Structure formats: C-alpha cells, structure tokens
Amino acid sequence: MSLESPIVGFTLLLAVILVVPPIFERLRLPGLVGLLLAGMFLGQSGVKLLDVNSETIKLLSDIGKIYLMFVAGLEIDLVQFHKTRNRSIGFGLMTFLVPLIVGISVGRGFGFSWNASVLIGSLLASHTLLAYPIISRLGVTSNEAVTVSIGATIFTDIGALLVLAICVGIHQGQFTVVNLVTLLLGLVLYSVAVLFGVRWAGTEFFRRSGDEEGKQFFIYTLGFVLSLCRGASDWH
C-alpha cells in the first residue's frame, strides 16, 4: 500500500498516539511532548512520512483542535467560570492587546505595512490550549487560575480570528463595514446555536435513546464535534 494512502497515514497516527506517550511518560516527560516531537519527526520538517497538505491530515488536525477545546469546555466548572468571568475578560483583554501592540510595533520597526504589522500582532496575540492535557492530568483544572486562563484563551482566539479576517479582507481589497457586521452577526448566531441549540438537541436525542443512551453518546459527541469543526472552518 502506498505511503500516500489516507489509510496508511491514519494508521501511522494511531500507532504514534498509542506508542509514543507511554514511552515519554516512563521517561518522566509529558506524553504531549512526545506527540509534538513525533509530529515534527514524521512531518515536513523530518522524514516527511505525513503530508500536512493532504485532506486526511487536515481533517484530523481540525478535529483534534476542536476536540481539545471541547474537552476543555467539559472540564470547566461553570459556576466558578461565572464567578470569574470578569477576570477572564480582563486577563484575556490584556493578553490580547499587549502582544498585539508589541507585534505591530515590531512590524512597523522592520518596515512592514500597517496591515502586515497588525497581522503579525494578531499572530502573537493568539493563544491555544496546547498544554491543557498536561494540566488535566495534574488534576488542577478546577483551579481558579486555570479557569480564568481558559476563558481568556477563548477571548484571545476569537479576537485574533476577527483581526485576521479584517486583515485578509483589506489585503484582498474586499473589506467593508458590511462584511465586518456580517462576520460579527454570524459569530453571534453561531454561538447562540452552540449554547442553546446543541443543548436542546442533546436533550431530545438522549431522551429518545432510552436504554441505548450509553452507546449513542459516542455517536452524538462525534457528530457534535464534527459539526463544530465544519462550522469553525467555514467561519474562519
């Protein structure tokens, strides 16, 4: 079977997920570090066994990112998150604006245009939950600082995507106030659908599942994550 086959790539990824983390954990290193190093080794910077431009790898990477956010959301104590929402917004605003301003200053200092400088700033301002699996394994996800950081990360990601959309529109000469309003409205509708529509659909789905609820949970969760993956990529 050709190495370019999606089945081979998928099987190789499964093997890495099963084998690499236990090895690194025996070395007293986080399993996530092993996955990152394995990805670098197998990808375009290493032996190039995995084609990062293939549709299979793109799909799995999108699912992985959305699933990571999904799991992080499940671990959040909503009561505590509600209590710390102001601190999450404040911390998120600071961790977004400071790197954004620094990135813009650096870009202008090297002679880049304003649009390119703002884009550099948005890249520096964007954060991820890459270290979340390590935090989850340590059992500190209910810590107030972790809850605030997760909320701030969500804020910075949304802000960075908005700035990115504006910069791309300006670069392509297609940016207008109408497009910005449409983008913001789409984000609001998408958020409402996720917060309320999915909850209603899940309640109805499991109410009708009866004794098959345990078996249907995986199907519902997978469909939910894939729907988010598709919606997020379209919005992006």
C-alpha atoms as a PDB file:
ATOM      1  CA  MET A   1       0.000   0.000   0.000  1.00  0.00           C
ATOM      2  CA  SER A   2       1.356   3.434  -0.954  1.00  0.00           C
ATOM      3  CA  LEU A   3       2.597   5.737   1.811  1.00  0.00           C
ATOM      4  CA  GLU A   4       0.370   8.422   0.277  1.00  0.00           C
ATOM      5  CA  SER A   5      -2.741   6.366   1.060  1.00  0.00           C
ATOM      6  CA  PRO A   6      -5.022   8.011   3.659  1.00  0.00           C
ATOM      7  CA  ILE A   7      -5.336   4.651   5.412  1.00  0.00           C
ATOM      8  CA  VAL A   8      -1.566   4.430   5.905  1.00  0.00           C
ATOM      9  CA  GLY A   9      -1.388   7.953   7.278  1.00  0.00           C
ATOM     10  CA  PHE A  10      -4.314   7.347   9.621  1.00  0.00           C
ATOM     11  CA  THR A  11      -2.827   4.040  10.837  1.00  0.00           C
ATOM     12  CA  LEU A  12       0.540   5.685  11.427  1.00  0.00           C
ATOM     13  CA  LEU A  13      -1.086   8.415  13.503  1.00  0.00           C
ATOM     14  CA  LEU A  14      -2.952   5.863  15.608  1.00  0.00           C
ATOM     15  CA  ALA A  15       0.281   3.950  16.199  1.00  0.00           C
ATOM     16  CA  VAL A  16       2.036   7.135  17.320  1.00  0.00           C
ATOM     17  CA  ILE A  17      -0.820   8.007  19.698  1.00  0.00           C
ATOM     18  CA  LEU A  18      -0.730   4.533  21.258  1.00  0.00           C
ATOM     19  CA  VAL A  19       3.039   4.052  21.486  1.00  0.00           C
ATOM     20  CA  VAL A  20       4.747   7.425  21.960  1.00  0.00           C
ATOM     21  CA  PRO A  21       3.006   8.903  25.071  1.00  0.00           C
ATOM     22  CA  PRO A  22       3.678   5.854  27.322  1.00  0.00           C
ATOM     23  CA  ILE A  23       7.352   5.916  26.347  1.00  0.00           C
ATOM     24  CA  PHE A  24       7.741   9.578  27.280  1.00  0.00           C
ATOM     25  CA  GLU A  25       5.776   9.137  30.497  1.00  0.00           C
ATOM     26  CA  ARG A  26       8.243   6.418  31.559  1.00  0.00           C
ATOM     27  CA  LEU A  27      10.953   8.995  30.955  1.00  0.00           C
ATOM     28  CA  ARG A  28       9.038  11.319  33.317  1.00  0.00           C
ATOM     29  CA  LEU A  29       8.117  13.611  30.456  1.00  0.00           C
ATOM     30  CA  PRO A  30       4.558  14.629  29.446  1.00  0.00           C
ATOM     31  CA  GLY A  31       3.122  12.419  26.710  1.00  0.00           C
ATOM     32  CA  LEU A  32       2.079  15.549  24.822  1.00  0.00           C
ATOM     33  CA  VAL A  33       5.753  16.446  24.346  1.00  0.00           C
ATOM     34  CA  GLY A  34       6.307  13.071  22.706  1.00  0.00           C
ATOM     35  CA  LEU A  35       3.381  13.633  20.334  1.00  0.00           C
ATOM     36  CA  LEU A  36       4.751  17.036  19.337  1.00  0.00           C
ATOM     37  CA  LEU A  37       8.222  15.643  18.679  1.00  0.00           C
ATOM     38  CA  ALA A  38       6.758  12.693  16.747  1.00  0.00           C
ATOM     39  CA  GLY A  39       4.748  15.093  14.616  1.00  0.00           C
ATOM     40  CA  MET A  40       7.863  17.134  13.842  1.00  0.00           C
ATOM     41  CA  PHE A  41       9.824  13.988  13.015  1.00  0.00           C
ATOM     42  CA  LEU A  42       7.168  12.451  10.744  1.00  0.00           C
ATOM     43  CA  GLY A  43       6.109  15.730   9.125  1.00  0.00           C
ATOM     44  CA  GLN A  44       7.629  18.072   6.574  1.00  0.00           C
ATOM     45  CA  SER A  45      10.469  19.065   8.917  1.00  0.00           C
ATOM     46  CA  GLY A  46      11.569  15.438   9.325  1.00  0.00           C
ATOM     47  CA  VAL A  47      11.240  12.250   7.321  1.00  0.00           C
ATOM     48  CA  LYS A  48       8.074  13.510   5.567  1.00  0.00           C
ATOM     49  CA  LEU A  49       6.014  10.364   6.093  1.00  0.00           C
ATOM     50  CA  LEU A  50       2.972  12.532   6.782  1.00  0.00           C
ATOM     51  CA  ASP A  51       1.804  15.011   4.162  1.00  0.00           C
ATOM     52  CA  VAL A  52       0.489  18.050   6.003  1.00  0.00           C
ATOM     53  CA  ASN A  53      -1.277  19.175   2.828  1.00  0.00           C
ATOM     54  CA  SER A  54      -3.349  16.010   2.484  1.00  0.00           C
ATOM     55  CA  GLU A  55      -7.066  16.220   3.173  1.00  0.00           C
ATOM     56  CA  THR A  56      -6.822  13.399   5.740  1.00  0.00           C
ATOM     57  CA  ILE A  57      -4.220  15.178   7.866  1.00  0.00           C
ATOM     58  CA  LYS A  58      -6.075  18.496   7.585  1.00  0.00           C
ATOM     59  CA  LEU A  59      -9.307  16.831   8.697  1.00  0.00           C
ATOM     60  CA  LEU A  60      -7.671  15.091  11.652  1.00  0.00           C
ATOM     61  CA  SER A  61      -5.856  18.265  12.718  1.00  0.00           C
ATOM     62  CA  ASP A  62      -9.106  20.253  12.643  1.00  0.00           C
ATOM     63  CA  ILE A  63     -10.916  17.555  14.615  1.00  0.00           C
ATOM     64  CA  GLY A  64      -8.066  17.429  17.124  1.00  0.00           C
ATOM     65  CA  LYS A  65      -8.149  21.185  17.752  1.00  0.00           C
ATOM     66  CA  ILE A  66     -11.910  21.295  18.125  1.00  0.00           C
ATOM     67  CA  TYR A  67     -11.932  18.179  20.305  1.00  0.00           C
ATOM     68  CA  LEU A  68      -9.293  19.705  22.588  1.00  0.00           C
ATOM     69  CA  MET A  69     -11.464  22.794  23.052  1.00  0.00           C
ATOM     70  CA  PHE A  70     -14.496  20.541  23.552  1.00  0.00           C
ATOM     71  CA  VAL A  71     -12.812  18.535  26.312  1.00  0.00           C
ATOM     72  CA  ALA A  72     -11.567  21.735  27.954  1.00  0.00           C
ATOM     73  CA  GLY A  73     -15.122  23.045  27.971  1.00  0.00           C
ATOM     74  CA  LEU A  74     -16.389  19.865  29.626  1.00  0.00           C
ATOM     75  CA  GLU A  75     -13.851  20.240  32.430  1.00  0.00           C
ATOM     76  CA  ILE A  76     -14.785  23.840  33.246  1.00  0.00           C
ATOM     77  CA  ASP A  77     -16.759  24.395  36.438  1.00  0.00           C
ATOM     78  CA  LEU A  78     -19.497  26.649  35.055  1.00  0.00           C
ATOM     79  CA  VAL A  79     -20.331  28.041  38.494  1.00  0.00           C
ATOM     80  CA  GLN A  80     -16.729  29.075  39.076  1.00  0.00           C
ATOM     81  CA  PHE A  81     -16.394  30.277  35.473  1.00  0.00           C
ATOM     82  CA  HIS A  82     -19.438  32.515  36.002  1.00  0.00           C
ATOM     83  CA  LYS A  83     -17.828  33.960  39.131  1.00  0.00           C
ATOM     84  CA  THR A  84     -14.545  34.680  37.354  1.00  0.00           C
ATOM     85  CA  ARG A  85     -15.948  35.864  34.016  1.00  0.00           C
ATOM     86  CA  ASN A  86     -14.902  39.475  34.626  1.00  0.00           C
ATOM     87  CA  ARG A  87     -11.353  38.401  35.437  1.00  0.00           C
ATOM     88  CA  SER A  88     -11.324  36.140  32.369  1.00  0.00           C
ATOM     89  CA  ILE A  89     -12.368  39.031  30.148  1.00  0.00           C
ATOM     90  CA  GLY A  90      -9.871  41.392  31.779  1.00  0.00           C
ATOM     91  CA  PHE A  91      -6.999  38.921  31.593  1.00  0.00           C
ATOM     92  CA  GLY A  92      -7.949  37.990  28.034  1.00  0.00           C
ATOM     93  CA  LEU A  93      -8.031  41.652  27.028  1.00  0.00           C
ATOM     94  CA  MET A  94      -4.564  42.231  28.477  1.00  0.00           C
ATOM     95  CA  THR A  95      -3.047  39.086  26.943  1.00  0.00           C
ATOM     96  CA  PHE A  96      -4.558  40.087  23.605  1.00  0.00           C
ATOM     97  CA  LEU A  97      -3.764  43.803  23.453  1.00  0.00           C
ATOM     98  CA  VAL A  98      -0.197  43.685  24.807  1.00  0.00           C
ATOM     99  CA  PRO A  99       1.122  41.124  22.252  1.00  0.00           C
ATOM    100  CA  LEU A 100      -0.916  42.837  19.534  1.00  0.00           C
ATOM    101  CA  ILE A 101       0.671  46.222  20.253  1.00  0.00           C
ATOM    102  CA  VAL A 102       4.142  44.685  20.548  1.00  0.00           C
ATOM    103  CA  GLY A 103       3.680  42.821  17.242  1.00  0.00           C
ATOM    104  CA  ILE A 104       2.501  45.959  15.475  1.00  0.00           C
ATOM    105  CA  SER A 105       5.493  47.905  16.836  1.00  0.00           C
ATOM    106  CA  VAL A 106       7.938  45.210  15.734  1.00  0.00           C
ATOM    107  CA  GLY A 107       6.341  45.018  12.288  1.00  0.00           C
ATOM    108  CA  ARG A 108       6.496  48.767  11.791  1.00  0.00           C
ATOM    109  CA  GLY A 109      10.064  48.794  13.101  1.00  0.00           C
ATOM    110  CA  PHE A 110      11.083  46.349  10.354  1.00  0.00           C
ATOM    111  CA  GLY A 111       9.334  48.415   7.694  1.00  0.00           C
ATOM    112  CA  PHE A 112       6.190  46.316   7.168  1.00  0.00           C
ATOM    113  CA  SER A 113       2.914  47.954   6.197  1.00  0.00           C
ATOM    114  CA  TRP A 114       0.249  48.654   8.789  1.00  0.00           C
ATOM    115  CA  ASN A 115      -1.854  45.750   7.596  1.00  0.00           C
ATOM    116  CA  ALA A 116       1.059  43.315   7.772  1.00  0.00           C
ATOM    117  CA  SER A 117       2.090  44.661  11.175  1.00  0.00           C
ATOM    118  CA  VAL A 118      -1.395  44.198  12.581  1.00  0.00           C
ATOM    119  CA  LEU A 119      -1.388  40.647  11.201  1.00  0.00           C
ATOM    120  CA  ILE A 120       1.905  39.936  12.991  1.00  0.00           C
ATOM    121  CA  GLY A 121       0.414  41.321  16.177  1.00  0.00           C
ATOM    122  CA  SER A 122      -2.672  39.116  15.868  1.00  0.00           C
ATOM    123  CA  LEU A 123      -0.451  36.042  15.460  1.00  0.00           C
ATOM    124  CA  LEU A 124       1.382  36.905  18.678  1.00  0.00           C
ATOM    125  CA  ALA A 125      -1.913  37.645  20.469  1.00  0.00           C
ATOM    126  CA  SER A 126      -3.487  34.287  19.627  1.00  0.00           C
ATOM    127  CA  HIS A 127      -3.164  31.530  22.228  1.00  0.00           C
ATOM    128  CA  THR A 128      -4.011  27.843  22.325  1.00  0.00           C
ATOM    129  CA  LEU A 129      -4.874  25.192  24.913  1.00  0.00           C
ATOM    130  CA  LEU A 130      -1.948  23.026  23.862  1.00  0.00           C
ATOM    131  CA  ALA A 131      -0.842  22.417  27.448  1.00  0.00           C
ATOM    132  CA  TYR A 132      -4.358  21.583  28.628  1.00  0.00           C
ATOM    133  CA  PRO A 133      -3.884  17.758  28.594  1.00  0.00           C
ATOM    134  CA  ILE A 134      -0.927  18.166  30.960  1.00  0.00           C
ATOM    135  CA  ILE A 135      -2.936  20.398  33.293  1.00  0.00           C
ATOM    136  CA  SER A 136      -5.852  17.967  33.175  1.00  0.00           C
ATOM    137  CA  ARG A 137      -3.620  15.048  34.122  1.00  0.00           C
ATOM    138  CA  LEU A 138      -2.250  17.013  37.067  1.00  0.00           C
ATOM    139  CA  GLY A 139      -5.823  17.435  38.316  1.00  0.00           C
ATOM    140  CA  VAL A 140      -5.772  21.234  38.603  1.00  0.00           C
ATOM    141  CA  THR A 141      -8.473  22.062  36.049  1.00  0.00           C
ATOM    142  CA  SER A 142     -10.782  23.304  38.809  1.00  0.00           C
ATOM    143  CA  ASN A 143      -8.174  25.812  39.962  1.00  0.00           C
ATOM    144  CA  GLU A 144      -9.381  29.394  39.621  1.00  0.00           C
ATOM    145  CA  ALA A 145      -6.259  30.470  37.726  1.00  0.00           C
ATOM    146  CA  VAL A 146      -6.798  27.681  35.184  1.00  0.00           C
ATOM    147  CA  THR A 147     -10.463  28.627  34.734  1.00  0.00           C
ATOM    148  CA  VAL A 148      -9.545  32.275  34.178  1.00  0.00           C
ATOM    149  CA  SER A 149      -6.803  31.298  31.705  1.00  0.00           C
ATOM    150  CA  ILE A 150      -9.164  29.090  29.683  1.00  0.00           C
ATOM    151  CA  GLY A 151     -11.748  31.874  29.478  1.00  0.00           C
ATOM    152  CA  ALA A 152      -9.052  34.362  28.465  1.00  0.00           C
ATOM    153  CA  THR A 153      -7.778  31.968  25.784  1.00  0.00           C
ATOM    154  CA  ILE A 154     -11.234  31.748  24.234  1.00  0.00           C
ATOM    155  CA  PHE A 155     -11.399  35.542  24.186  1.00  0.00           C
ATOM    156  CA  THR A 156      -7.961  35.949  22.570  1.00  0.00           C
ATOM    157  CA  ASP A 157      -8.684  33.296  19.917  1.00  0.00           C
ATOM    158  CA  ILE A 158     -11.922  34.998  18.867  1.00  0.00           C
ATOM    159  CA  GLY A 159     -10.200  38.394  18.813  1.00  0.00           C
ATOM    160  CA  ALA A 160      -7.264  37.084  16.765  1.00  0.00           C
ATOM    161  CA  LEU A 161      -9.612  35.492  14.213  1.00  0.00           C
ATOM    162  CA  LEU A 162     -11.558  38.731  13.844  1.00  0.00           C
ATOM    163  CA  VAL A 163      -8.334  40.698  13.286  1.00  0.00           C
ATOM    164  CA  LEU A 164      -7.162  38.061  10.804  1.00  0.00           C
ATOM    165  CA  ALA A 165     -10.438  38.268   8.859  1.00  0.00           C
ATOM    166  CA  ILE A 166     -10.164  42.056   8.693  1.00  0.00           C
ATOM    167  CA  CYS A 167      -6.508  41.962   7.577  1.00  0.00           C
ATOM    168  CA  VAL A 168      -7.253  39.413   4.840  1.00  0.00           C
ATOM    169  CA  GLY A 169     -10.220  41.473   3.642  1.00  0.00           C
ATOM    170  CA  ILE A 170      -8.112  44.629   3.498  1.00  0.00           C
ATOM    171  CA  HIS A 171      -5.322  42.817   1.652  1.00  0.00           C
ATOM    172  CA  GLN A 172      -7.762  41.472  -0.929  1.00  0.00           C
ATOM    173  CA  GLY A 173      -9.494  44.828  -1.235  1.00  0.00           C
ATOM    174  CA  GLN A 174     -12.808  43.319  -0.139  1.00  0.00           C
ATOM    175  CA  PHE A 175     -13.124  44.735   3.366  1.00  0.00           C
ATOM    176  CA  THR A 176     -16.205  46.808   4.101  1.00  0.00           C
ATOM    177  CA  VAL A 177     -18.153  47.693   7.204  1.00  0.00           C
ATOM    178  CA  VAL A 178     -20.979  45.490   5.915  1.00  0.00           C
ATOM    179  CA  ASN A 179     -18.639  42.496   5.759  1.00  0.00           C
ATOM    180  CA  LEU A 180     -17.469  43.162   9.326  1.00  0.00           C
ATOM    181  CA  VAL A 181     -21.035  43.413  10.622  1.00  0.00           C
ATOM    182  CA  THR A 182     -21.941  40.222   8.750  1.00  0.00           C
ATOM    183  CA  LEU A 183     -18.957  38.445  10.287  1.00  0.00           C
ATOM    184  CA  LEU A 184     -19.862  39.566  13.812  1.00  0.00           C
ATOM    185  CA  LEU A 185     -23.509  38.647  13.304  1.00  0.00           C
ATOM    186  CA  GLY A 186     -22.529  35.218  12.039  1.00  0.00           C
ATOM    187  CA  LEU A 187     -20.348  34.713  15.110  1.00  0.00           C
ATOM    188  CA  VAL A 188     -23.217  35.673  17.431  1.00  0.00           C
ATOM    189  CA  LEU A 189     -25.674  33.345  15.673  1.00  0.00           C
ATOM    190  CA  TYR A 190     -23.132  30.511  15.696  1.00  0.00           C
ATOM    191  CA  SER A 191     -22.514  30.985  19.432  1.00  0.00           C
ATOM    192  CA  VAL A 192     -26.251  31.043  20.202  1.00  0.00           C
ATOM    193  CA  ALA A 193     -26.766  27.870  18.158  1.00  0.00           C
ATOM    194  CA  VAL A 194     -23.973  26.106  20.041  1.00  0.00           C
ATOM    195  CA  LEU A 195     -25.015  27.282  23.507  1.00  0.00           C
ATOM    196  CA  PHE A 196     -28.742  26.661  23.184  1.00  0.00           C
ATOM    197  CA  GLY A 197     -29.442  24.625  20.052  1.00  0.00           C
ATOM    198  CA  VAL A 198     -26.984  21.852  20.842  1.00  0.00           C
ATOM    199  CA  ARG A 199     -28.253  21.589  24.406  1.00  0.00           C
ATOM    200  CA  TRP A 200     -31.836  21.198  23.216  1.00  0.00           C
ATOM    201  CA  ALA A 201     -30.839  18.707  20.508  1.00  0.00           C
ATOM    202  CA  GLY A 202     -28.824  16.662  23.004  1.00  0.00           C
ATOM    203  CA  THR A 203     -31.697  16.539  25.499  1.00  0.00           C
ATOM    204  CA  GLU A 204     -34.120  15.346  22.816  1.00  0.00           C
ATOM    205  CA  PHE A 205     -31.615  12.878  21.386  1.00  0.00           C
ATOM    206  CA  PHE A 206     -30.853  11.149  24.676  1.00  0.00           C
ATOM    207  CA  ARG A 207     -34.498  11.240  25.786  1.00  0.00           C
ATOM    208  CA  ARG A 208     -35.399   9.196  22.733  1.00  0.00           C
ATOM    209  CA  SER A 209     -32.366   6.887  23.035  1.00  0.00           C
ATOM    210  CA  GLY A 210     -33.726   5.005  26.052  1.00  0.00           C
ATOM    211  CA  ASP A 211     -31.554   2.051  27.008  1.00  0.00           C
ATOM    212  CA  GLU A 212     -29.147   2.800  24.165  1.00  0.00           C
ATOM    213  CA  GLU A 213     -28.020   6.086  25.738  1.00  0.00           C
ATOM    214  CA  GLY A 214     -24.522   4.820  26.546  1.00  0.00           C
ATOM    215  CA  LYS A 215     -23.940   3.573  23.017  1.00  0.00           C
ATOM    216  CA  GLN A 216     -25.415   6.670  21.415  1.00  0.00           C
ATOM    217  CA  PHE A 217     -23.297   9.063  23.473  1.00  0.00           C
ATOM    218  CA  PHE A 218     -20.195   8.456  21.354  1.00  0.00           C
ATOM    219  CA  ILE A 219     -22.126   8.947  18.104  1.00  0.00           C
ATOM    220  CA  TYR A 220     -23.720  12.167  19.328  1.00  0.00           C
ATOM    221  CA  THR A 221     -20.418  13.543  20.654  1.00  0.00           C
ATOM    222  CA  LEU A 222     -18.565  12.714  17.444  1.00  0.00           C
ATOM    223  CA  GLY A 223     -21.285  14.305  15.326  1.00  0.00           C
ATOM    224  CA  PHE A 224     -21.288  17.361  17.574  1.00  0.00           C
ATOM    225  CA  VAL A 225     -17.507  17.782  17.328  1.00  0.00           C
ATOM    226  CA  LEU A 226     -17.519  17.314  13.549  1.00  0.00           C
ATOM    227  CA  SER A 227     -20.299  19.891  13.205  1.00  0.00           C
ATOM    228  CA  LEU A 228     -18.280  22.364  15.249  1.00  0.00           C
ATOM    229  CA  CYS A 229     -15.200  21.584  13.172  1.00  0.00           C
ATOM    230  CA  ARG A 230     -17.081  22.326   9.967  1.00  0.00           C
ATOM    231  CA  GLY A 231     -18.723  25.452  11.321  1.00  0.00           C
ATOM    232  CA  ALA A 232     -15.482  26.822  12.734  1.00  0.00           C
ATOM    233  CA  SER A 233     -13.584  26.218   9.478  1.00  0.00           C
ATOM    234  CA  ASP A 234     -16.335  27.933   7.465  1.00  0.00           C
ATOM    235  CA  TRP A 235     -16.360  30.918   9.845  1.00  0.00           C
ATOM    236  CA  HIS A 236     -12.545  31.064   9.705  1.00  0.00           C
END
